[in-house]
Amino acid sequence: MKFAAFVVKEATEVGKDQALMQRMPFDEKDLAESNRVFLFENMASIKNISIVAKEDASIDAIEGARAVADNAVPGKPSIVFH
């Protein structure tokens, strides 16, 4: 029920159409790529950072990534460390 309560609260705050939309009005992957330096500036020890959309077939090559990606929703990305 936590999820339902969250969606109801979000719908009350931003409107039902926005709270339940299936896609963002912008490309989230492109946004992350264009802000890569800012997003990862404090992660100097991490050398290989990939930003992958869950529709990208290459995600299946990363162990456990498909299950995590399937839980990602618009505006709430998921992170996989491997």
N, C-alpha and C. Protein backbone atom coordinates (compact mmCIF):
# COMPACT_ATOMS: atom_id res chain seq x y z
N MET A 1 0.81 -1.21 0.00
CA MET A 1 0.00 0.00 0.00
C MET A 1 0.85 1.27 0.00
N LYS A 2 2.14 1.15 0.35
CA LYS A 2 3.00 2.33 0.35
C LYS A 2 3.05 2.94 -1.05
N PHE A 3 3.14 2.06 -2.07
CA PHE A 3 3.22 2.56 -3.44
C PHE A 3 1.94 3.31 -3.81
N ALA A 4 0.80 2.74 -3.49
CA ALA A 4 -0.48 3.39 -3.80
C ALA A 4 -0.59 4.73 -3.10
N ALA A 5 -0.18 4.79 -1.84
CA ALA A 5 -0.22 6.06 -1.10
C ALA A 5 0.72 7.08 -1.74
N PHE A 6 1.88 6.61 -2.19
CA PHE A 6 2.83 7.51 -2.85
C PHE A 6 2.24 8.08 -4.13
N VAL A 7 1.63 7.22 -4.95
CA VAL A 7 1.05 7.68 -6.22
C VAL A 7 -0.10 8.65 -5.97
N VAL A 8 -0.94 8.36 -4.98
CA VAL A 8 -2.04 9.27 -4.65
C VAL A 8 -1.50 10.62 -4.22
N LYS A 9 -0.48 10.62 -3.36
CA LYS A 9 0.12 11.88 -2.91
C LYS A 9 0.71 12.64 -4.07
N GLU A 10 1.46 11.94 -4.94
CA GLU A 10 2.07 12.58 -6.09
C GLU A 10 1.00 13.14 -7.04
N ALA A 11 -0.06 12.39 -7.27
CA ALA A 11 -1.15 12.84 -8.14
C ALA A 11 -1.81 14.09 -7.57
N THR A 12 -1.93 14.15 -6.26
CA THR A 12 -2.51 15.33 -5.61
C THR A 12 -1.61 16.55 -5.79
N GLU A 13 -0.29 16.32 -5.72
CA GLU A 13 0.66 17.43 -5.82
C GLU A 13 0.89 17.90 -7.25
N VAL A 14 1.05 16.97 -8.19
CA VAL A 14 1.43 17.35 -9.55
C VAL A 14 0.33 17.11 -10.58
N GLY A 15 -0.74 16.47 -10.21
CA GLY A 15 -1.82 16.16 -11.14
C GLY A 15 -1.73 14.72 -11.59
N LYS A 16 -2.88 14.12 -11.83
CA LYS A 16 -2.92 12.69 -12.15
C LYS A 16 -2.24 12.35 -13.47
N ASP A 17 -2.36 13.21 -14.47
CA ASP A 17 -1.74 12.91 -15.76
C ASP A 17 -0.23 12.82 -15.65
N GLN A 18 0.37 13.74 -14.92
CA GLN A 18 1.82 13.73 -14.76
C GLN A 18 2.27 12.59 -13.85
N ALA A 19 1.55 12.31 -12.80
CA ALA A 19 1.93 11.26 -11.85
C ALA A 19 1.88 9.87 -12.48
N LEU A 20 1.01 9.66 -13.45
CA LEU A 20 0.84 8.35 -14.04
C LEU A 20 1.42 8.21 -15.44
N MET A 21 2.14 9.22 -15.92
CA MET A 21 2.64 9.16 -17.29
C MET A 21 3.69 8.08 -17.46
N GLN A 22 3.71 7.49 -18.64
CA GLN A 22 4.61 6.39 -18.95
C GLN A 22 5.97 6.86 -19.46
N ARG A 23 6.06 8.10 -19.91
CA ARG A 23 7.31 8.64 -20.45
C ARG A 23 7.50 10.06 -19.94
N MET A 24 8.76 10.46 -19.82
CA MET A 24 9.07 11.83 -19.44
C MET A 24 8.97 12.70 -20.70
N PRO A 25 8.73 14.00 -20.54
CA PRO A 25 8.64 14.87 -21.72
C PRO A 25 10.01 15.22 -22.30
N PHE A 26 11.06 14.56 -21.83
CA PHE A 26 12.42 14.75 -22.33
C PHE A 26 13.13 13.41 -22.28
N ASP A 27 14.26 13.30 -22.94
CA ASP A 27 15.03 12.06 -22.97
C ASP A 27 15.93 12.01 -21.74
N GLU A 28 15.60 11.14 -20.79
CA GLU A 28 16.35 11.06 -19.53
C GLU A 28 17.79 10.61 -19.75
N LYS A 29 18.02 9.70 -20.69
CA LYS A 29 19.38 9.24 -20.96
C LYS A 29 20.22 10.38 -21.50
N ASP A 30 19.69 11.15 -22.44
CA ASP A 30 20.44 12.29 -22.99
C ASP A 30 20.73 13.32 -21.90
N LEU A 31 19.79 13.54 -21.00
CA LEU A 31 20.00 14.48 -19.90
C LEU A 31 21.14 14.01 -18.99
N ALA A 32 21.15 12.72 -18.66
CA ALA A 32 22.22 12.17 -17.82
C ALA A 32 23.55 12.25 -18.53
N GLU A 33 23.58 11.93 -19.82
CA GLU A 33 24.83 12.00 -20.59
C GLU A 33 25.36 13.42 -20.65
N SER A 34 24.49 14.39 -20.86
CA SER A 34 24.95 15.78 -20.97
C SER A 34 25.39 16.35 -19.62
N ASN A 35 25.00 15.72 -18.52
CA ASN A 35 25.41 16.16 -17.18
C ASN A 35 26.34 15.16 -16.50
N ARG A 36 26.96 14.32 -17.28
CA ARG A 36 27.83 13.25 -16.78
C ARG A 36 28.91 13.79 -15.83
N VAL A 37 29.59 14.86 -16.20
CA VAL A 37 30.67 15.41 -15.37
C VAL A 37 30.13 15.81 -14.01
N PHE A 38 29.03 16.51 -13.97
CA PHE A 38 28.42 16.94 -12.71
C PHE A 38 27.94 15.76 -11.88
N LEU A 39 27.28 14.82 -12.51
CA LEU A 39 26.70 13.69 -11.78
C LEU A 39 27.75 12.79 -11.14
N PHE A 40 28.90 12.65 -11.80
CA PHE A 40 29.89 11.69 -11.33
C PHE A 40 31.19 12.32 -10.86
N GLU A 41 31.20 13.64 -10.62
CA GLU A 41 32.43 14.32 -10.24
C GLU A 41 33.00 13.85 -8.91
N ASN A 42 32.20 13.34 -8.00
CA ASN A 42 32.69 12.88 -6.71
C ASN A 42 32.91 11.37 -6.66
N MET A 43 32.96 10.76 -7.82
CA MET A 43 33.15 9.31 -7.89
C MET A 43 34.43 8.99 -8.67
N ALA A 44 35.52 9.60 -8.27
CA ALA A 44 36.79 9.45 -8.99
C ALA A 44 37.29 8.01 -9.01
N SER A 45 36.95 7.22 -8.02
CA SER A 45 37.44 5.84 -7.97
C SER A 45 36.70 4.93 -8.97
N ILE A 46 35.58 5.38 -9.47
CA ILE A 46 34.83 4.59 -10.45
C ILE A 46 35.30 5.00 -11.83
N LYS A 47 35.86 4.05 -12.56
CA LYS A 47 36.48 4.35 -13.85
C LYS A 47 35.54 4.17 -15.04
N ASN A 48 34.71 3.16 -15.01
CA ASN A 48 33.84 2.87 -16.15
C ASN A 48 32.39 3.10 -15.76
N ILE A 49 31.82 4.19 -16.26
CA ILE A 49 30.43 4.51 -15.98
C ILE A 49 29.66 4.44 -17.28
N SER A 50 28.62 3.63 -17.29
CA SER A 50 27.76 3.52 -18.47
C SER A 50 26.36 3.96 -18.10
N ILE A 51 25.77 4.75 -18.95
CA ILE A 51 24.37 5.15 -18.78
C ILE A 51 23.61 4.43 -19.88
N VAL A 52 22.73 3.53 -19.47
CA VAL A 52 22.05 2.67 -20.42
C VAL A 52 20.55 2.73 -20.19
N ALA A 53 19.80 2.89 -21.25
CA ALA A 53 18.34 2.85 -21.16
C ALA A 53 17.90 1.40 -21.01
N LYS A 54 16.81 1.19 -20.28
CA LYS A 54 16.39 -0.19 -20.06
C LYS A 54 15.93 -0.89 -21.33
N GLU A 55 15.64 -0.12 -22.37
CA GLU A 55 15.28 -0.72 -23.65
C GLU A 55 16.50 -1.20 -24.43
N ASP A 56 17.69 -0.80 -24.01
CA ASP A 56 18.93 -1.16 -24.69
C ASP A 56 19.26 -2.63 -24.42
N ALA A 57 19.47 -3.40 -25.46
CA ALA A 57 19.73 -4.83 -25.32
C ALA A 57 21.04 -5.11 -24.58
N SER A 58 21.97 -4.16 -24.57
CA SER A 58 23.26 -4.38 -23.91
C SER A 58 23.11 -4.53 -22.40
N ILE A 59 22.00 -4.11 -21.85
CA ILE A 59 21.79 -4.22 -20.40
C ILE A 59 21.72 -5.68 -19.96
N ASP A 60 21.34 -6.57 -20.86
CA ASP A 60 21.24 -7.99 -20.52
C ASP A 60 22.60 -8.63 -20.28
N ALA A 61 23.68 -7.98 -20.73
CA ALA A 61 25.03 -8.51 -20.53
C ALA A 61 25.54 -8.24 -19.11
N ILE A 62 24.87 -7.38 -18.37
CA ILE A 62 25.28 -7.03 -17.01
C ILE A 62 24.47 -7.87 -16.04
N GLU A 63 25.16 -8.65 -15.23
CA GLU A 63 24.48 -9.55 -14.30
C GLU A 63 23.57 -8.79 -13.34
N GLY A 64 22.32 -9.19 -13.30
CA GLY A 64 21.34 -8.59 -12.39
C GLY A 64 20.76 -7.27 -12.85
N ALA A 65 21.26 -6.72 -13.93
CA ALA A 65 20.82 -5.40 -14.37
C ALA A 65 19.39 -5.40 -14.92
N ARG A 66 18.99 -6.46 -15.57
CA ARG A 66 17.64 -6.51 -16.15
C ARG A 66 16.58 -6.39 -15.06
N ALA A 67 16.74 -7.08 -13.96
CA ALA A 67 15.76 -7.03 -12.86
C ALA A 67 15.69 -5.63 -12.28
N VAL A 68 16.84 -4.98 -12.14
CA VAL A 68 16.87 -3.62 -11.60
C VAL A 68 16.25 -2.66 -12.60
N ALA A 69 16.60 -2.79 -13.86
CA ALA A 69 16.08 -1.89 -14.90
C ALA A 69 14.58 -2.01 -15.05
N ASP A 70 14.06 -3.20 -14.89
CA ASP A 70 12.61 -3.39 -15.02
C ASP A 70 11.83 -2.64 -13.95
N ASN A 71 12.49 -2.29 -12.86
CA ASN A 71 11.84 -1.53 -11.79
C ASN A 71 11.98 -0.01 -11.96
N ALA A 72 12.78 0.41 -12.93
CA ALA A 72 12.93 1.85 -13.19
C ALA A 72 11.66 2.39 -13.82
N VAL A 73 11.27 3.57 -13.41
CA VAL A 73 10.10 4.24 -13.97
C VAL A 73 10.49 5.65 -14.38
N PRO A 74 9.70 6.29 -15.22
CA PRO A 74 10.04 7.65 -15.64
C PRO A 74 10.28 8.57 -14.45
N GLY A 75 11.41 9.26 -14.48
CA GLY A 75 11.76 10.20 -13.43
C GLY A 75 12.42 9.56 -12.21
N LYS A 76 12.50 8.23 -12.20
CA LYS A 76 13.10 7.52 -11.07
C LYS A 76 14.00 6.41 -11.61
N PRO A 77 15.19 6.78 -12.08
CA PRO A 77 16.08 5.78 -12.66
C PRO A 77 16.64 4.82 -11.61
N SER A 78 17.17 3.72 -12.06
CA SER A 78 17.79 2.73 -11.18
C SER A 78 19.29 2.70 -11.47
N ILE A 79 20.05 2.26 -10.48
CA ILE A 79 21.50 2.21 -10.59
C ILE A 79 21.97 0.78 -10.35
N VAL A 80 22.90 0.32 -11.18
CA VAL A 80 23.50 -1.00 -11.03
C VAL A 80 25.00 -0.80 -10.94
N PHE A 81 25.61 -1.32 -9.88
CA PHE A 81 27.05 -1.32 -9.75
C PHE A 81 27.52 -2.73 -10.07
N HIS A 82 28.51 -2.84 -10.97
CA HIS A 82 29.02 -4.19 -11.29
C HIS A 82 30.50 -4.14 -11.46
